[in-house]
């Protein structure tokens, strides 16, 4: 895997961790919209990484 692939995975991991923290914070505040938004955004980031890996396999 090239350094660019590691960079993409690292950025995605940081965003997903931030989304998980946001979802936990939303659960503490009992804010269902925040929980849903954080979960959906983390799923979108994960699917985006899979899409990049599928479309550009040379980056990995």
C-alpha atoms as a PDB file:
ATOM      1  CA  UNK A   1       0.000   0.000   0.000  1.00  0.00           C
ATOM      2  CA  UNK A   2       1.348   3.404  -0.908  1.00  0.00           C
ATOM      3  CA  UNK A   3       1.521   6.349   1.450  1.00  0.00           C
ATOM      4  CA  UNK A   4      -1.485   7.934  -0.251  1.00  0.00           C
ATOM      5  CA  UNK A   5      -3.611   4.908   0.619  1.00  0.00           C
ATOM      6  CA  UNK A   6      -2.498   5.099   4.238  1.00  0.00           C
ATOM      7  CA  UNK A   7      -3.332   8.813   4.274  1.00  0.00           C
ATOM      8  CA  UNK A   8      -6.857   8.153   2.996  1.00  0.00           C
ATOM      9  CA  UNK A   9      -7.413   5.441   5.602  1.00  0.00           C
ATOM     10  CA  UNK A  10      -5.996   7.628   8.371  1.00  0.00           C
ATOM     11  CA  UNK A  11      -8.215  10.582   7.521  1.00  0.00           C
ATOM     12  CA  UNK A  12     -11.269   8.330   7.253  1.00  0.00           C
ATOM     13  CA  UNK A  13     -10.472   6.722  10.614  1.00  0.00           C
ATOM     14  CA  UNK A  14     -10.190  10.105  12.340  1.00  0.00           C
ATOM     15  CA  UNK A  15     -13.507  11.259  10.860  1.00  0.00           C
ATOM     16  CA  UNK A  16     -15.264   8.026  11.840  1.00  0.00           C
ATOM     17  CA  UNK A  17     -13.901   8.234  15.404  1.00  0.00           C
ATOM     18  CA  UNK A  18     -15.125  11.842  15.619  1.00  0.00           C
ATOM     19  CA  UNK A  19     -18.547  10.694  14.414  1.00  0.00           C
ATOM     20  CA  UNK A  20     -18.665   7.964  17.052  1.00  0.00           C
ATOM     21  CA  UNK A  21     -17.791  10.525  19.738  1.00  0.00           C
ATOM     22  CA  UNK A  22     -20.534  12.801  18.384  1.00  0.00           C
ATOM     23  CA  UNK A  23     -23.049   9.961  18.467  1.00  0.00           C
ATOM     24  CA  UNK A  24     -22.141   9.187  22.082  1.00  0.00           C
ATOM     25  CA  UNK A  25     -22.500  12.859  22.972  1.00  0.00           C
ATOM     26  CA  UNK A  26     -25.873  12.935  21.224  1.00  0.00           C
ATOM     27  CA  UNK A  27     -26.965   9.890  23.193  1.00  0.00           C
ATOM     28  CA  UNK A  28     -26.055  11.628  26.444  1.00  0.00           C
ATOM     29  CA  UNK A  29     -28.049  14.690  25.391  1.00  0.00           C
ATOM     30  CA  UNK A  30     -30.886  12.473  24.105  1.00  0.00           C
ATOM     31  CA  UNK A  31     -30.642  14.180  20.704  1.00  0.00           C
ATOM     32  CA  UNK A  32     -31.830  11.633  18.138  1.00  0.00           C
ATOM     33  CA  UNK A  33     -31.071  13.880  15.161  1.00  0.00           C
ATOM     34  CA  UNK A  34     -27.431  14.218  16.185  1.00  0.00           C
ATOM     35  CA  UNK A  35     -27.103  10.462  16.706  1.00  0.00           C
ATOM     36  CA  UNK A  36     -28.633   9.712  13.310  1.00  0.00           C
ATOM     37  CA  UNK A  37     -26.523  12.328  11.526  1.00  0.00           C
ATOM     38  CA  UNK A  38     -23.280  11.068  13.064  1.00  0.00           C
ATOM     39  CA  UNK A  39     -24.032   7.435  12.259  1.00  0.00           C
ATOM     40  CA  UNK A  40     -25.077   8.206   8.686  1.00  0.00           C
ATOM     41  CA  UNK A  41     -21.998  10.385   8.088  1.00  0.00           C
ATOM     42  CA  UNK A  42     -19.654   7.677   9.384  1.00  0.00           C
ATOM     43  CA  UNK A  43     -21.329   5.128   7.097  1.00  0.00           C
ATOM     44  CA  UNK A  44     -20.966   7.532   4.166  1.00  0.00           C
ATOM     45  CA  UNK A  45     -17.252   7.994   4.878  1.00  0.00           C
ATOM     46  CA  UNK A  46     -16.735   4.223   5.094  1.00  0.00           C
ATOM     47  CA  UNK A  47     -18.565   3.677   1.806  1.00  0.00           C
ATOM     48  CA  UNK A  48     -16.547   6.483   0.224  1.00  0.00           C
ATOM     49  CA  UNK A  49     -13.310   4.737   1.179  1.00  0.00           C
ATOM     50  CA  UNK A  50     -14.607   1.488  -0.327  1.00  0.00           C
ATOM     51  CA  UNK A  51     -15.583   3.368  -3.497  1.00  0.00           C
ATOM     52  CA  UNK A  52     -12.147   4.980  -3.786  1.00  0.00           C
ATOM     53  CA  UNK A  53     -10.507   1.598  -3.225  1.00  0.00           C
ATOM     54  CA  UNK A  54     -12.695   0.042  -5.938  1.00  0.00           C
ATOM     55  CA  UNK A  55     -12.348   2.812  -8.525  1.00  0.00           C
ATOM     56  CA  UNK A  56      -8.657   3.548  -7.926  1.00  0.00           C
ATOM     57  CA  UNK A  57      -7.020   0.246  -6.932  1.00  0.00           C
ATOM     58  CA  UNK A  58      -3.560   1.579  -7.856  1.00  0.00           C
ATOM     59  CA  UNK A  59      -3.619   3.965  -4.886  1.00  0.00           C
ATOM     60  CA  UNK A  60      -3.423   1.029  -2.504  1.00  0.00           C
END
